[in-house]
Amino acid sequence: MLDAFEKHMPEGVSWTKPEGGLFLFLNLPEHMDAEQLFVKAIEEKVAFVIGSAFHCDGSGKNTMRLNFSHASKEMNLEGVKRLAKVIKREI
């Protein structure tokens, strides 16, 4: 998934590089709202957890949490491509 982010995500998007675990966080540009992006991502048949749910101070509106543990490499790649397509349209 990290390799797919490097290849497909537009400039201005960053992400965590975990050493373990099941999830990573994607950081959208500050002006973007992941909750608004969620509906558009679902239309492309890709989903994520809205990152603000993990910020008790009301921040994180431009973040999302992605699980990479259950899907195959091929499914992760396809999911990243779909998500990148949605993000690029909104940027």
N, C-alpha and C. Protein backbone atom coordinates (compact mmCIF):
# COMPACT_ATOMS: atom_id res chain seq x y z
N MET A 1 0.82 -1.19 0.00
CA MET A 1 0.00 0.00 0.00
C MET A 1 0.87 1.26 0.00
N LEU A 2 1.96 1.23 0.74
CA LEU A 2 2.86 2.38 0.77
C LEU A 2 3.45 2.65 -0.61
N ASP A 3 3.85 1.60 -1.30
CA ASP A 3 4.37 1.77 -2.66
C ASP A 3 3.31 2.35 -3.59
N ALA A 4 2.07 1.90 -3.42
CA ALA A 4 0.97 2.41 -4.25
C ALA A 4 0.72 3.88 -3.96
N PHE A 5 0.83 4.28 -2.69
CA PHE A 5 0.68 5.71 -2.36
C PHE A 5 1.74 6.53 -3.08
N GLU A 6 2.98 6.06 -3.02
CA GLU A 6 4.08 6.79 -3.68
C GLU A 6 3.80 6.99 -5.16
N LYS A 7 3.23 5.97 -5.76
CA LYS A 7 3.00 6.00 -7.20
C LYS A 7 1.75 6.79 -7.61
N HIS A 8 0.68 6.72 -6.80
CA HIS A 8 -0.61 7.23 -7.26
C HIS A 8 -1.15 8.47 -6.55
N MET A 9 -0.71 8.75 -5.35
CA MET A 9 -1.28 9.89 -4.62
C MET A 9 -0.72 11.21 -5.15
N PRO A 10 -1.59 12.21 -5.21
CA PRO A 10 -1.14 13.51 -5.72
C PRO A 10 -0.29 14.26 -4.69
N GLU A 11 0.42 15.25 -5.16
CA GLU A 11 1.22 16.10 -4.30
C GLU A 11 0.32 16.76 -3.27
N GLY A 12 0.81 16.90 -2.06
CA GLY A 12 0.03 17.50 -0.98
C GLY A 12 -0.61 16.49 -0.06
N VAL A 13 -0.56 15.21 -0.44
CA VAL A 13 -1.09 14.14 0.40
C VAL A 13 0.10 13.43 1.04
N SER A 14 -0.01 13.16 2.35
CA SER A 14 1.06 12.44 3.05
C SER A 14 0.43 11.31 3.85
N TRP A 15 1.28 10.46 4.40
CA TRP A 15 0.78 9.30 5.13
C TRP A 15 1.82 8.83 6.13
N THR A 16 1.32 8.06 7.10
CA THR A 16 2.22 7.46 8.08
C THR A 16 2.91 6.27 7.45
N LYS A 17 4.03 5.92 8.01
CA LYS A 17 4.78 4.73 7.56
C LYS A 17 5.00 3.85 8.78
N PRO A 18 3.96 3.09 9.14
CA PRO A 18 4.03 2.30 10.37
C PRO A 18 5.05 1.17 10.29
N GLU A 19 5.58 0.82 11.43
CA GLU A 19 6.51 -0.31 11.52
C GLU A 19 5.77 -1.59 11.85
N GLY A 20 4.50 -1.49 12.10
CA GLY A 20 3.68 -2.65 12.43
C GLY A 20 2.23 -2.23 12.50
N GLY A 21 1.40 -3.11 12.97
CA GLY A 21 -0.01 -2.79 13.12
C GLY A 21 -0.83 -3.15 11.90
N LEU A 22 -2.02 -2.61 11.85
CA LEU A 22 -2.99 -2.95 10.82
C LEU A 22 -3.47 -1.76 10.00
N PHE A 23 -3.10 -0.55 10.42
CA PHE A 23 -3.66 0.65 9.82
C PHE A 23 -2.57 1.67 9.51
N LEU A 24 -2.91 2.58 8.63
CA LEU A 24 -2.09 3.77 8.44
C LEU A 24 -3.02 4.95 8.24
N PHE A 25 -2.50 6.14 8.49
CA PHE A 25 -3.28 7.36 8.34
C PHE A 25 -2.81 8.10 7.11
N LEU A 26 -3.78 8.61 6.37
CA LEU A 26 -3.53 9.43 5.20
C LEU A 26 -3.92 10.86 5.56
N ASN A 27 -3.04 11.81 5.26
CA ASN A 27 -3.29 13.22 5.54
C ASN A 27 -3.54 13.95 4.23
N LEU A 28 -4.74 14.47 4.10
CA LEU A 28 -5.10 15.25 2.93
C LEU A 28 -4.63 16.69 3.12
N PRO A 29 -4.60 17.49 2.07
CA PRO A 29 -4.31 18.91 2.26
C PRO A 29 -5.27 19.51 3.30
N GLU A 30 -4.80 20.51 4.03
CA GLU A 30 -5.55 21.09 5.15
C GLU A 30 -6.97 21.51 4.79
N HIS A 31 -7.18 21.99 3.57
CA HIS A 31 -8.50 22.51 3.19
C HIS A 31 -9.53 21.42 2.90
N MET A 32 -9.10 20.18 2.83
CA MET A 32 -10.00 19.09 2.46
C MET A 32 -10.64 18.47 3.71
N ASP A 33 -11.86 17.96 3.52
CA ASP A 33 -12.61 17.32 4.59
C ASP A 33 -12.86 15.87 4.20
N ALA A 34 -12.29 14.95 4.97
CA ALA A 34 -12.41 13.52 4.66
C ALA A 34 -13.86 13.05 4.72
N GLU A 35 -14.66 13.65 5.57
CA GLU A 35 -16.07 13.24 5.66
C GLU A 35 -16.80 13.52 4.35
N GLN A 36 -16.54 14.66 3.75
CA GLN A 36 -17.15 14.99 2.46
C GLN A 36 -16.61 14.08 1.36
N LEU A 37 -15.35 13.72 1.46
CA LEU A 37 -14.72 12.85 0.48
C LEU A 37 -15.23 11.41 0.57
N PHE A 38 -15.68 11.03 1.76
CA PHE A 38 -16.12 9.64 2.00
C PHE A 38 -17.22 9.23 1.03
N VAL A 39 -18.23 10.06 0.88
CA VAL A 39 -19.35 9.73 -0.01
C VAL A 39 -18.87 9.53 -1.44
N LYS A 40 -17.97 10.36 -1.88
CA LYS A 40 -17.45 10.24 -3.24
C LYS A 40 -16.59 9.00 -3.40
N ALA A 41 -15.87 8.63 -2.34
CA ALA A 41 -15.06 7.41 -2.37
C ALA A 41 -15.96 6.18 -2.47
N ILE A 42 -17.04 6.17 -1.73
CA ILE A 42 -17.99 5.05 -1.77
C ILE A 42 -18.53 4.87 -3.18
N GLU A 43 -18.77 5.96 -3.87
CA GLU A 43 -19.24 5.88 -5.27
C GLU A 43 -18.22 5.17 -6.15
N GLU A 44 -16.94 5.24 -5.78
CA GLU A 44 -15.87 4.55 -6.52
C GLU A 44 -15.59 3.17 -5.94
N LYS A 45 -16.43 2.74 -4.99
CA LYS A 45 -16.32 1.41 -4.36
C LYS A 45 -15.03 1.23 -3.55
N VAL A 46 -14.68 2.29 -2.81
CA VAL A 46 -13.55 2.22 -1.89
C VAL A 46 -13.97 2.96 -0.62
N ALA A 47 -13.53 2.46 0.53
CA ALA A 47 -13.95 3.07 1.79
C ALA A 47 -12.76 3.26 2.72
N PHE A 48 -12.96 4.12 3.70
CA PHE A 48 -11.96 4.38 4.73
C PHE A 48 -12.71 4.82 5.98
N VAL A 49 -12.00 4.92 7.08
CA VAL A 49 -12.59 5.45 8.30
C VAL A 49 -12.17 6.91 8.40
N ILE A 50 -13.13 7.77 8.66
CA ILE A 50 -12.85 9.20 8.77
C ILE A 50 -11.94 9.43 9.97
N GLY A 51 -10.82 10.07 9.73
CA GLY A 51 -9.78 10.22 10.74
C GLY A 51 -10.15 11.06 11.94
N SER A 52 -11.10 11.98 11.79
CA SER A 52 -11.46 12.84 12.91
C SER A 52 -12.02 12.03 14.08
N ALA A 53 -12.49 10.83 13.84
CA ALA A 53 -12.99 9.97 14.92
C ALA A 53 -11.87 9.60 15.90
N PHE A 54 -10.63 9.75 15.50
CA PHE A 54 -9.49 9.39 16.33
C PHE A 54 -8.80 10.60 16.95
N HIS A 55 -9.41 11.77 16.80
CA HIS A 55 -8.87 13.02 17.35
C HIS A 55 -9.89 13.59 18.33
N CYS A 56 -9.62 13.50 19.61
CA CYS A 56 -10.59 13.95 20.61
C CYS A 56 -10.70 15.47 20.71
N ASP A 57 -9.83 16.19 20.04
CA ASP A 57 -9.85 17.65 20.13
C ASP A 57 -10.55 18.32 18.94
N GLY A 58 -11.21 17.53 18.09
CA GLY A 58 -11.92 18.09 16.95
C GLY A 58 -11.07 18.29 15.72
N SER A 59 -9.79 17.97 15.80
CA SER A 59 -8.92 18.12 14.63
C SER A 59 -9.00 16.84 13.77
N GLY A 60 -8.17 16.78 12.78
CA GLY A 60 -8.10 15.58 11.94
C GLY A 60 -9.16 15.49 10.86
N LYS A 61 -9.84 16.59 10.58
CA LYS A 61 -10.89 16.55 9.55
C LYS A 61 -10.33 16.20 8.18
N ASN A 62 -9.05 16.42 7.99
CA ASN A 62 -8.42 16.13 6.70
C ASN A 62 -7.65 14.80 6.72
N THR A 63 -8.02 13.91 7.64
CA THR A 63 -7.30 12.64 7.73
C THR A 63 -8.25 11.46 7.54
N MET A 64 -7.67 10.33 7.19
CA MET A 64 -8.43 9.09 7.07
C MET A 64 -7.57 7.93 7.54
N ARG A 65 -8.22 6.91 8.06
CA ARG A 65 -7.53 5.71 8.53
C ARG A 65 -7.83 4.59 7.55
N LEU A 66 -6.79 3.90 7.11
CA LEU A 66 -6.93 2.83 6.13
C LEU A 66 -6.38 1.53 6.70
N ASN A 67 -7.09 0.45 6.47
CA ASN A 67 -6.64 -0.87 6.89
C ASN A 67 -5.98 -1.56 5.71
N PHE A 68 -4.81 -2.11 5.95
CA PHE A 68 -4.11 -2.80 4.87
C PHE A 68 -3.95 -4.29 5.13
N SER A 69 -4.49 -4.77 6.23
CA SER A 69 -4.18 -6.14 6.66
C SER A 69 -5.06 -7.22 6.03
N HIS A 70 -6.27 -6.90 5.67
CA HIS A 70 -7.20 -7.93 5.22
C HIS A 70 -7.15 -8.18 3.71
N ALA A 71 -6.96 -7.14 2.95
CA ALA A 71 -7.01 -7.24 1.49
C ALA A 71 -5.69 -7.75 0.92
N SER A 72 -5.78 -8.36 -0.24
CA SER A 72 -4.57 -8.82 -0.95
C SER A 72 -3.81 -7.61 -1.47
N LYS A 73 -2.58 -7.84 -1.91
CA LYS A 73 -1.80 -6.74 -2.50
C LYS A 73 -2.52 -6.14 -3.70
N GLU A 74 -3.13 -6.99 -4.51
CA GLU A 74 -3.84 -6.53 -5.69
C GLU A 74 -5.04 -5.66 -5.31
N MET A 75 -5.78 -6.10 -4.27
CA MET A 75 -6.94 -5.33 -3.82
C MET A 75 -6.50 -4.00 -3.20
N ASN A 76 -5.40 -4.02 -2.44
CA ASN A 76 -4.88 -2.78 -1.87
C ASN A 76 -4.49 -1.80 -2.97
N LEU A 77 -3.81 -2.30 -3.99
CA LEU A 77 -3.41 -1.45 -5.11
C LEU A 77 -4.62 -0.84 -5.80
N GLU A 78 -5.62 -1.65 -6.07
CA GLU A 78 -6.83 -1.14 -6.72
C GLU A 78 -7.54 -0.11 -5.84
N GLY A 79 -7.60 -0.37 -4.55
CA GLY A 79 -8.21 0.57 -3.63
C GLY A 79 -7.49 1.91 -3.60
N VAL A 80 -6.17 1.87 -3.58
CA VAL A 80 -5.38 3.10 -3.59
C VAL A 80 -5.61 3.86 -4.90
N LYS A 81 -5.65 3.16 -6.01
CA LYS A 81 -5.90 3.83 -7.30
C LYS A 81 -7.25 4.54 -7.29
N ARG A 82 -8.27 3.86 -6.77
CA ARG A 82 -9.61 4.46 -6.72
C ARG A 82 -9.64 5.66 -5.79
N LEU A 83 -9.01 5.52 -4.62
CA LEU A 83 -8.98 6.61 -3.67
C LEU A 83 -8.20 7.80 -4.22
N ALA A 84 -7.08 7.53 -4.86
CA ALA A 84 -6.28 8.61 -5.46
C ALA A 84 -7.08 9.34 -6.54
N LYS A 85 -7.86 8.62 -7.29
CA LYS A 85 -8.70 9.23 -8.33
C LYS A 85 -9.68 10.23 -7.71
N VAL A 86 -10.31 9.82 -6.61
CA VAL A 86 -11.26 10.69 -5.92
C VAL A 86 -10.55 11.93 -5.37
N ILE A 87 -9.41 11.72 -4.73
CA ILE A 87 -8.65 12.84 -4.14
C ILE A 87 -8.21 13.81 -5.22
N LYS A 88 -7.70 13.30 -6.32
CA LYS A 88 -7.25 14.17 -7.40
C LYS A 88 -8.37 15.03 -7.95
N ARG A 89 -9.55 14.46 -8.05
CA ARG A 89 -10.71 15.23 -8.53
C ARG A 89 -11.05 16.37 -7.59
N GLU A 90 -10.87 16.13 -6.30
CA GLU A 90 -11.27 17.12 -5.30
C GLU A 90 -10.19 18.19 -5.07
N ILE A 91 -8.94 17.86 -5.33
CA ILE A 91 -7.87 18.83 -5.16
C ILE A 91 -8.00 19.87 -6.25
